[in-house]
Amino acid sequence: RIRDYLHQTVTDRAGNIQPLEGPQGDLIFLDFQADGNYVAVRPSGTEPKIKFYSFVYHPPEDGSDLAAVKTMLNNRLLALEHDLKQFATA
């Protein structure tokens, strides 16, 4: 789904649009299927460019291998970065 804080709308995968409650601003969140995984997109306040901020999350589990989870999340961030670069240069 896409949360658009400028137009205060939420658009789902099917294209359905709902109102978005909250503050208004020049910011978009691209929410991924896995909860807590999203990209924030906004214009720079001082330069002619768009900024992307990637967020990934994996719920904590008892006995999970912290190093393996960190590696998995880092790989997810790298894949997001790759996809965003492909999108931005298309």
PDB file of N, CA and C in Angstrom:
ATOM      1  N   ARG A   1       0.837  -1.173   0.000  1.00  0.00           N
ATOM      2  CA  ARG A   1       0.000   0.000   0.000  1.00  0.00           C
ATOM      3  C   ARG A   1       0.885   1.240   0.000  1.00  0.00           C
ATOM      4  N   ILE A   2       0.298   2.359  -0.369  1.00  0.00           N
ATOM      5  CA  ILE A   2       1.019   3.627  -0.430  1.00  0.00           C
ATOM      6  C   ILE A   2       0.320   4.621   0.486  1.00  0.00           C
ATOM      7  N   ARG A   3       1.073   5.159   1.436  1.00  0.00           N
ATOM      8  CA  ARG A   3       0.549   6.201   2.316  1.00  0.00           C
ATOM      9  C   ARG A   3       1.097   7.546   1.834  1.00  0.00           C
ATOM     10  N   ASP A   4       0.232   8.396   1.351  1.00  0.00           N
ATOM     11  CA  ASP A   4       0.617   9.697   0.804  1.00  0.00           C
ATOM     12  C   ASP A   4       0.189  10.776   1.792  1.00  0.00           C
ATOM     13  N   TYR A   5       1.164  11.351   2.495  1.00  0.00           N
ATOM     14  CA  TYR A   5       0.853  12.344   3.518  1.00  0.00           C
ATOM     15  C   TYR A   5       0.583  13.725   2.936  1.00  0.00           C
ATOM     16  N   LEU A   6       1.005  13.983   1.701  1.00  0.00           N
ATOM     17  CA  LEU A   6       0.703  15.264   1.070  1.00  0.00           C
ATOM     18  C   LEU A   6      -0.777  15.346   0.710  1.00  0.00           C
ATOM     19  N   HIS A   7      -1.282  14.266   0.094  1.00  0.00           N
ATOM     20  CA  HIS A   7      -2.686  14.227  -0.309  1.00  0.00           C
ATOM     21  C   HIS A   7      -3.577  13.537   0.723  1.00  0.00           C
ATOM     22  N   GLN A   8      -2.948  13.046   1.800  1.00  0.00           N
ATOM     23  CA  GLN A   8      -3.618  12.367   2.909  1.00  0.00           C
ATOM     24  C   GLN A   8      -4.525  11.239   2.426  1.00  0.00           C
ATOM     25  N   THR A   9      -3.899  10.328   1.642  1.00  0.00           N
ATOM     26  CA  THR A   9      -4.609   9.160   1.124  1.00  0.00           C
ATOM     27  C   THR A   9      -3.785   7.904   1.349  1.00  0.00           C
ATOM     28  N   VAL A  10      -4.478   6.774   1.385  1.00  0.00           N
ATOM     29  CA  VAL A  10      -3.858   5.453   1.414  1.00  0.00           C
ATOM     30  C   VAL A  10      -4.404   4.698   0.212  1.00  0.00           C
ATOM     31  N   THR A  11      -3.496   4.182  -0.623  1.00  0.00           N
ATOM     32  CA  THR A  11      -3.895   3.426  -1.807  1.00  0.00           C
ATOM     33  C   THR A  11      -3.429   1.988  -1.636  1.00  0.00           C
ATOM     34  N   ASP A  12      -4.357   1.026  -1.765  1.00  0.00           N
ATOM     35  CA  ASP A  12      -3.972  -0.381  -1.634  1.00  0.00           C
ATOM     36  C   ASP A  12      -3.570  -0.948  -2.995  1.00  0.00           C
ATOM     37  N   ARG A  13      -3.166  -2.216  -2.994  1.00  0.00           N
ATOM     38  CA  ARG A  13      -2.680  -2.856  -4.226  1.00  0.00           C
ATOM     39  C   ARG A  13      -3.722  -2.886  -5.329  1.00  0.00           C
ATOM     40  N   ALA A  14      -4.993  -2.909  -4.961  1.00  0.00           N
ATOM     41  CA  ALA A  14      -6.070  -2.949  -5.947  1.00  0.00           C
ATOM     42  C   ALA A  14      -6.409  -1.561  -6.487  1.00  0.00           C
ATOM     43  N   GLY A  15      -5.770  -0.521  -5.928  1.00  0.00           N
ATOM     44  CA  GLY A  15      -6.034   0.839  -6.379  1.00  0.00           C
ATOM     45  C   GLY A  15      -7.123   1.553  -5.604  1.00  0.00           C
ATOM     46  N   ASN A  16      -7.639   0.909  -4.567  1.00  0.00           N
ATOM     47  CA  ASN A  16      -8.661   1.536  -3.725  1.00  0.00           C
ATOM     48  C   ASN A  16      -8.017   2.622  -2.867  1.00  0.00           C
ATOM     49  N   ILE A  17      -8.673   3.763  -2.783  1.00  0.00           N
ATOM     50  CA  ILE A  17      -8.126   4.907  -2.057  1.00  0.00           C
ATOM     51  C   ILE A  17      -8.993   5.205  -0.840  1.00  0.00           C
ATOM     52  N   GLN A  18      -8.322   5.368   0.299  1.00  0.00           N
ATOM     53  CA  GLN A  18      -8.984   5.701   1.561  1.00  0.00           C
ATOM     54  C   GLN A  18      -8.326   6.958   2.131  1.00  0.00           C
ATOM     55  N   PRO A  19      -9.038   7.705   2.979  1.00  0.00           N
ATOM     56  CA  PRO A  19      -8.417   8.869   3.613  1.00  0.00           C
ATOM     57  C   PRO A  19      -7.354   8.442   4.623  1.00  0.00           C
ATOM     58  N   LEU A  20      -6.341   9.266   4.780  1.00  0.00           N
ATOM     59  CA  LEU A  20      -5.256   9.019   5.728  1.00  0.00           C
ATOM     60  C   LEU A  20      -5.341  10.058   6.833  1.00  0.00           C
ATOM     61  N   GLU A  21      -5.477   9.610   8.050  1.00  0.00           N
ATOM     62  CA  GLU A  21      -5.505  10.504   9.205  1.00  0.00           C
ATOM     63  C   GLU A  21      -4.074  10.852   9.592  1.00  0.00           C
ATOM     64  N   GLY A  22      -3.880  12.037  10.127  1.00  0.00           N
ATOM     65  CA  GLY A  22      -2.562  12.406  10.616  1.00  0.00           C
ATOM     66  C   GLY A  22      -2.062  13.696  10.006  1.00  0.00           C
ATOM     67  N   PRO A  23      -0.807  14.022  10.294  1.00  0.00           N
ATOM     68  CA  PRO A  23      -0.250  15.283   9.805  1.00  0.00           C
ATOM     69  C   PRO A  23      -0.085  15.273   8.287  1.00  0.00           C
ATOM     70  N   GLN A  24      -0.123  16.465   7.701  1.00  0.00           N
ATOM     71  CA  GLN A  24       0.059  16.589   6.257  1.00  0.00           C
ATOM     72  C   GLN A  24       1.496  17.020   5.993  1.00  0.00           C
ATOM     73  N   GLY A  25       2.131  16.410   4.982  1.00  0.00           N
ATOM     74  CA  GLY A  25       3.499  16.757   4.632  1.00  0.00           C
ATOM     75  C   GLY A  25       3.906  16.115   3.329  1.00  0.00           C
ATOM     76  N   ASP A  26       5.033  16.533   2.813  1.00  0.00           N
ATOM     77  CA  ASP A  26       5.542  16.045   1.531  1.00  0.00           C
ATOM     78  C   ASP A  26       6.305  14.737   1.757  1.00  0.00           C
ATOM     79  N   LEU A  27       5.560  13.650   1.998  1.00  0.00           N
ATOM     80  CA  LEU A  27       6.151  12.370   2.361  1.00  0.00           C
ATOM     81  C   LEU A  27       5.254  11.230   1.891  1.00  0.00           C
ATOM     82  N   ILE A  28       5.879  10.199   1.358  1.00  0.00           N
ATOM     83  CA  ILE A  28       5.165   8.994   0.922  1.00  0.00           C
ATOM     84  C   ILE A  28       5.828   7.789   1.574  1.00  0.00           C
ATOM     85  N   PHE A  29       5.015   6.849   2.061  1.00  0.00           N
ATOM     86  CA  PHE A  29       5.514   5.570   2.556  1.00  0.00           C
ATOM     87  C   PHE A  29       5.028   4.472   1.626  1.00  0.00           C
ATOM     88  N   LEU A  30       5.937   3.622   1.196  1.00  0.00           N
ATOM     89  CA  LEU A  30       5.605   2.436   0.412  1.00  0.00           C
ATOM     90  C   LEU A  30       5.674   1.255   1.369  1.00  0.00           C
ATOM     91  N   ASP A  31       4.524   0.753   1.791  1.00  0.00           N
ATOM     92  CA  ASP A  31       4.460  -0.356   2.743  1.00  0.00           C
ATOM     93  C   ASP A  31       4.530  -1.683   2.000  1.00  0.00           C
ATOM     94  N   PHE A  32       5.378  -2.581   2.478  1.00  0.00           N
ATOM     95  CA  PHE A  32       5.494  -3.904   1.881  1.00  0.00           C
ATOM     96  C   PHE A  32       4.609  -4.893   2.625  1.00  0.00           C
ATOM     97  N   GLN A  33       4.455  -6.066   2.058  1.00  0.00           N
ATOM     98  CA  GLN A  33       3.550  -7.063   2.622  1.00  0.00           C
ATOM     99  C   GLN A  33       3.947  -7.454   4.046  1.00  0.00           C
ATOM    100  N   ALA A  34       5.228  -7.608   4.302  1.00  0.00           N
ATOM    101  CA  ALA A  34       5.693  -7.966   5.646  1.00  0.00           C
ATOM    102  C   ALA A  34       5.622  -6.730   6.545  1.00  0.00           C
ATOM    103  N   ASP A  35       4.928  -6.834   7.672  1.00  0.00           N
ATOM    104  CA  ASP A  35       4.777  -5.704   8.589  1.00  0.00           C
ATOM    105  C   ASP A  35       6.129  -5.146   9.009  1.00  0.00           C
ATOM    106  N   GLY A  36       6.219  -3.817   9.072  1.00  0.00           N
ATOM    107  CA  GLY A  36       7.440  -3.165   9.519  1.00  0.00           C
ATOM    108  C   GLY A  36       8.476  -2.985   8.435  1.00  0.00           C
ATOM    109  N   ASN A  37       8.182  -3.388   7.212  1.00  0.00           N
ATOM    110  CA  ASN A  37       9.104  -3.240   6.092  1.00  0.00           C
ATOM    111  C   ASN A  37       8.514  -2.210   5.138  1.00  0.00           C
ATOM    112  N   TYR A  38       9.217  -1.091   4.973  1.00  0.00           N
ATOM    113  CA  TYR A  38       8.690  -0.033   4.117  1.00  0.00           C
ATOM    114  C   TYR A  38       9.814   0.887   3.663  1.00  0.00           C
ATOM    115  N   VAL A  39       9.482   1.736   2.701  1.00  0.00           N
ATOM    116  CA  VAL A  39      10.395   2.761   2.218  1.00  0.00           C
ATOM    117  C   VAL A  39       9.683   4.101   2.344  1.00  0.00           C
ATOM    118  N   ALA A  40      10.361   5.076   2.919  1.00  0.00           N
ATOM    119  CA  ALA A  40       9.849   6.439   2.986  1.00  0.00           C
ATOM    120  C   ALA A  40      10.511   7.234   1.867  1.00  0.00           C
ATOM    121  N   VAL A  41       9.716   8.057   1.182  1.00  0.00           N
ATOM    122  CA  VAL A  41      10.210   8.843   0.050  1.00  0.00           C
ATOM    123  C   VAL A  41       9.817  10.296   0.284  1.00  0.00           C
ATOM    124  N   ARG A  42      10.809  11.189   0.150  1.00  0.00           N
ATOM    125  CA  ARG A  42      10.515  12.612   0.306  1.00  0.00           C
ATOM    126  C   ARG A  42      11.527  13.423  -0.489  1.00  0.00           C
ATOM    127  N   PRO A  43      11.160  14.649  -0.850  1.00  0.00           N
ATOM    128  CA  PRO A  43      12.138  15.504  -1.518  1.00  0.00           C
ATOM    129  C   PRO A  43      13.124  16.061  -0.498  1.00  0.00           C
ATOM    130  N   SER A  44      14.321  16.353  -0.954  1.00  0.00           N
ATOM    131  CA  SER A  44      15.290  17.021  -0.098  1.00  0.00           C
ATOM    132  C   SER A  44      14.817  18.444   0.149  1.00  0.00           C
ATOM    133  N   GLY A  45      15.087  18.958   1.317  1.00  0.00           N
ATOM    134  CA  GLY A  45      14.702  20.331   1.611  1.00  0.00           C
ATOM    135  C   GLY A  45      15.685  21.358   1.083  1.00  0.00           C
ATOM    136  N   THR A  46      16.899  20.909   0.714  1.00  0.00           N
ATOM    137  CA  THR A  46      17.934  21.858   0.302  1.00  0.00           C
ATOM    138  C   THR A  46      18.536  21.563  -1.060  1.00  0.00           C
ATOM    139  N   GLU A  47      18.258  20.386  -1.615  1.00  0.00           N
ATOM    140  CA  GLU A  47      18.870  19.994  -2.886  1.00  0.00           C
ATOM    141  C   GLU A  47      17.796  19.479  -3.837  1.00  0.00           C
ATOM    142  N   PRO A  48      18.061  19.549  -5.144  1.00  0.00           N
ATOM    143  CA  PRO A  48      17.081  19.037  -6.116  1.00  0.00           C
ATOM    144  C   PRO A  48      17.180  17.520  -6.279  1.00  0.00           C
ATOM    145  N   LYS A  49      16.803  16.799  -5.239  1.00  0.00           N
ATOM    146  CA  LYS A  49      16.843  15.339  -5.315  1.00  0.00           C
ATOM    147  C   LYS A  49      15.781  14.737  -4.411  1.00  0.00           C
ATOM    148  N   ILE A  50      15.520  13.462  -4.638  1.00  0.00           N
ATOM    149  CA  ILE A  50      14.558  12.711  -3.837  1.00  0.00           C
ATOM    150  C   ILE A  50      15.331  11.798  -2.896  1.00  0.00           C
ATOM    151  N   LYS A  51      14.889  11.717  -1.666  1.00  0.00           N
ATOM    152  CA  LYS A  51      15.548  10.866  -0.676  1.00  0.00           C
ATOM    153  C   LYS A  51      14.678   9.648  -0.383  1.00  0.00           C
ATOM    154  N   PHE A  52      15.338   8.499  -0.272  1.00  0.00           N
ATOM    155  CA  PHE A  52      14.681   7.237   0.049  1.00  0.00           C
ATOM    156  C   PHE A  52      15.246   6.727   1.371  1.00  0.00           C
ATOM    157  N   TYR A  53      14.369   6.308   2.265  1.00  0.00           N
ATOM    158  CA  TYR A  53      14.769   5.729   3.545  1.00  0.00           C
ATOM    159  C   TYR A  53      14.140   4.348   3.644  1.00  0.00           C
ATOM    160  N   SER A  54      14.977   3.325   3.786  1.00  0.00           N
ATOM    161  CA  SER A  54      14.492   1.944   3.831  1.00  0.00           C
ATOM    162  C   SER A  54      14.446   1.447   5.270  1.00  0.00           C
ATOM    163  N   PHE A  55      13.371   0.728   5.595  1.00  0.00           N
ATOM    164  CA  PHE A  55      13.189   0.165   6.928  1.00  0.00           C
ATOM    165  C   PHE A  55      12.824  -1.308   6.795  1.00  0.00           C
ATOM    166  N   VAL A  56      13.518  -2.147   7.534  1.00  0.00           N
ATOM    167  CA  VAL A  56      13.203  -3.574   7.536  1.00  0.00           C
ATOM    168  C   VAL A  56      13.027  -4.025   8.984  1.00  0.00           C
ATOM    169  N   TYR A  57      12.255  -5.086   9.151  1.00  0.00           N
ATOM    170  CA  TYR A  57      11.935  -5.574  10.487  1.00  0.00           C
ATOM    171  C   TYR A  57      11.740  -7.076  10.436  1.00  0.00           C
ATOM    172  N   HIS A  58      12.184  -7.729  11.481  1.00  0.00           N
ATOM    173  CA  HIS A  58      11.917  -9.151  11.669  1.00  0.00           C
ATOM    174  C   HIS A  58      11.533  -9.327  13.133  1.00  0.00           C
ATOM    175  N   PRO A  59      10.370  -9.904  13.415  1.00  0.00           N
ATOM    176  CA  PRO A  59       9.950 -10.027  14.814  1.00  0.00           C
ATOM    177  C   PRO A  59      10.920 -10.899  15.609  1.00  0.00           C
ATOM    178  N   PRO A  60      11.200 -10.495  16.845  1.00  0.00           N
ATOM    179  CA  PRO A  60      12.112 -11.290  17.671  1.00  0.00           C
ATOM    180  C   PRO A  60      11.503 -12.646  18.015  1.00  0.00           C
ATOM    181  N   GLU A  61      12.346 -13.632  18.030  1.00  0.00           N
ATOM    182  CA  GLU A  61      11.915 -14.985  18.382  1.00  0.00           C
ATOM    183  C   GLU A  61      12.874 -15.540  19.425  1.00  0.00           C
ATOM    184  N   ASP A  62      12.335 -16.274  20.376  1.00  0.00           N
ATOM    185  CA  ASP A  62      13.186 -16.890  21.389  1.00  0.00           C
ATOM    186  C   ASP A  62      14.166 -17.848  20.736  1.00  0.00           C
ATOM    187  N   GLY A  63      15.418 -17.737  21.138  1.00  0.00           N
ATOM    188  CA  GLY A  63      16.433 -18.657  20.647  1.00  0.00           C
ATOM    189  C   GLY A  63      16.907 -18.379  19.234  1.00  0.00           C
ATOM    190  N   SER A  64      16.471 -17.261  18.633  1.00  0.00           N
ATOM    191  CA  SER A  64      16.912 -16.990  17.265  1.00  0.00           C
ATOM    192  C   SER A  64      18.377 -16.555  17.265  1.00  0.00           C
ATOM    193  N   ASP A  65      19.048 -16.856  16.187  1.00  0.00           N
ATOM    194  CA  ASP A  65      20.458 -16.530  16.013  1.00  0.00           C
ATOM    195  C   ASP A  65      20.555 -15.069  15.575  1.00  0.00           C
ATOM    196  N   LEU A  66      20.999 -14.201  16.480  1.00  0.00           N
ATOM    197  CA  LEU A  66      21.044 -12.771  16.212  1.00  0.00           C
ATOM    198  C   LEU A  66      21.887 -12.452  14.979  1.00  0.00           C
ATOM    199  N   ALA A  67      23.025 -13.099  14.843  1.00  0.00           N
ATOM    200  CA  ALA A  67      23.891 -12.837  13.690  1.00  0.00           C
ATOM    201  C   ALA A  67      23.192 -13.207  12.387  1.00  0.00           C
ATOM    202  N   ALA A  68      22.462 -14.312  12.382  1.00  0.00           N
ATOM    203  CA  ALA A  68      21.751 -14.740  11.172  1.00  0.00           C
ATOM    204  C   ALA A  68      20.626 -13.766  10.832  1.00  0.00           C
ATOM    205  N   VAL A  69      19.922 -13.279  11.857  1.00  0.00           N
ATOM    206  CA  VAL A  69      18.839 -12.317  11.627  1.00  0.00           C
ATOM    207  C   VAL A  69      19.411 -11.005  11.092  1.00  0.00           C
ATOM    208  N   LYS A  70      20.527 -10.547  11.662  1.00  0.00           N
ATOM    209  CA  LYS A  70      21.161  -9.320  11.174  1.00  0.00           C
ATOM    210  C   LYS A  70      21.601  -9.472   9.723  1.00  0.00           C
ATOM    211  N   THR A  71      22.150 -10.617   9.383  1.00  0.00           N
ATOM    212  CA  THR A  71      22.560 -10.871   8.000  1.00  0.00           C
ATOM    213  C   THR A  71      21.351 -10.874   7.073  1.00  0.00           C
ATOM    214  N   MET A  72      20.266 -11.517   7.488  1.00  0.00           N
ATOM    215  CA  MET A  72      19.056 -11.564   6.674  1.00  0.00           C
ATOM    216  C   MET A  72      18.504 -10.157   6.436  1.00  0.00           C
ATOM    217  N   LEU A  73      18.440  -9.346   7.499  1.00  0.00           N
ATOM    218  CA  LEU A  73      17.918  -7.989   7.360  1.00  0.00           C
ATOM    219  C   LEU A  73      18.839  -7.119   6.514  1.00  0.00           C
ATOM    220  N   ASN A  74      20.138  -7.282   6.660  1.00  0.00           N
ATOM    221  CA  ASN A  74      21.082  -6.537   5.829  1.00  0.00           C
ATOM    222  C   ASN A  74      20.906  -6.907   4.357  1.00  0.00           C
ATOM    223  N   ASN A  75      20.732  -8.189   4.079  1.00  0.00           N
ATOM    224  CA  ASN A  75      20.504  -8.625   2.698  1.00  0.00           C
ATOM    225  C   ASN A  75      19.198  -8.054   2.152  1.00  0.00           C
ATOM    226  N   ARG A  76      18.177  -7.975   2.996  1.00  0.00           N
ATOM    227  CA  ARG A  76      16.903  -7.390   2.577  1.00  0.00           C
ATOM    228  C   ARG A  76      17.088  -5.909   2.242  1.00  0.00           C
ATOM    229  N   LEU A  77      17.867  -5.188   3.071  1.00  0.00           N
ATOM    230  CA  LEU A  77      18.150  -3.776   2.789  1.00  0.00           C
ATOM    231  C   LEU A  77      18.916  -3.609   1.481  1.00  0.00           C
ATOM    232  N   LEU A  78      19.894  -4.465   1.246  1.00  0.00           N
ATOM    233  CA  LEU A  78      20.660  -4.392  -0.002  1.00  0.00           C
ATOM    234  C   LEU A  78      19.769  -4.652  -1.210  1.00  0.00           C
ATOM    235  N   ALA A  79      18.855  -5.597  -1.094  1.00  0.00           N
ATOM    236  CA  ALA A  79      17.932  -5.886  -2.199  1.00  0.00           C
ATOM    237  C   ALA A  79      17.000  -4.699  -2.440  1.00  0.00           C
ATOM    238  N   LEU A  80      16.514  -4.071  -1.367  1.00  0.00           N
ATOM    239  CA  LEU A  80      15.676  -2.881  -1.508  1.00  0.00           C
ATOM    240  C   LEU A  80      16.448  -1.756  -2.190  1.00  0.00           C
ATOM    241  N   GLU A  81      17.690  -1.556  -1.769  1.00  0.00           N
ATOM    242  CA  GLU A  81      18.524  -0.516  -2.378  1.00  0.00           C
ATOM    243  C   GLU A  81      18.701  -0.776  -3.874  1.00  0.00           C
ATOM    244  N   HIS A  82      18.964  -2.012  -4.234  1.00  0.00           N
ATOM    245  CA  HIS A  82      19.117  -2.378  -5.645  1.00  0.00           C
ATOM    246  C   HIS A  82      17.835  -2.076  -6.419  1.00  0.00           C
ATOM    247  N   ASP A  83      16.694  -2.496  -5.884  1.00  0.00           N
ATOM    248  CA  ASP A  83      15.416  -2.274  -6.562  1.00  0.00           C
ATOM    249  C   ASP A  83      15.091  -0.787  -6.684  1.00  0.00           C
ATOM    250  N   LEU A  84      15.382  -0.009  -5.633  1.00  0.00           N
ATOM    251  CA  LEU A  84      15.120   1.428  -5.688  1.00  0.00           C
ATOM    252  C   LEU A  84      15.995   2.114  -6.731  1.00  0.00           C
ATOM    253  N   LYS A  85      17.249   1.687  -6.845  1.00  0.00           N
ATOM    254  CA  LYS A  85      18.132   2.256  -7.873  1.00  0.00           C
ATOM    255  C   LYS A  85      17.616   1.922  -9.265  1.00  0.00           C
ATOM    256  N   GLN A  86      17.136   0.695  -9.452  1.00  0.00           N
ATOM    257  CA  GLN A  86      16.562   0.300 -10.743  1.00  0.00           C
ATOM    258  C   GLN A  86      15.347   1.173 -11.055  1.00  0.00           C
ATOM    259  N   PHE A  87      14.495   1.384 -10.069  1.00  0.00           N
ATOM    260  CA  PHE A  87      13.290   2.190 -10.245  1.00  0.00           C
ATOM    261  C   PHE A  87      13.646   3.645 -10.557  1.00  0.00           C
ATOM    262  N   ALA A  88      14.609   4.194  -9.814  1.00  0.00           N
ATOM    263  CA  ALA A  88      14.963   5.607  -9.961  1.00  0.00           C
ATOM    264  C   ALA A  88      15.626   5.909 -11.300  1.00  0.00           C
ATOM    265  N   THR A  89      16.287   4.929 -11.884  1.00  0.00           N
ATOM    266  CA  THR A  89      16.977   5.167 -13.158  1.00  0.00           C
ATOM    267  C   THR A  89      16.170   4.705 -14.360  1.00  0.00           C
ATOM    268  N   ALA A  90      14.975   4.173 -14.134  1.00  0.00           N
ATOM    269  CA  ALA A  90      14.143   3.683 -15.250  1.00  0.00           C
ATOM    270  C   ALA A  90      13.467   4.824 -15.985  1.00  0.00           C
TER     271      ALA A  90
END
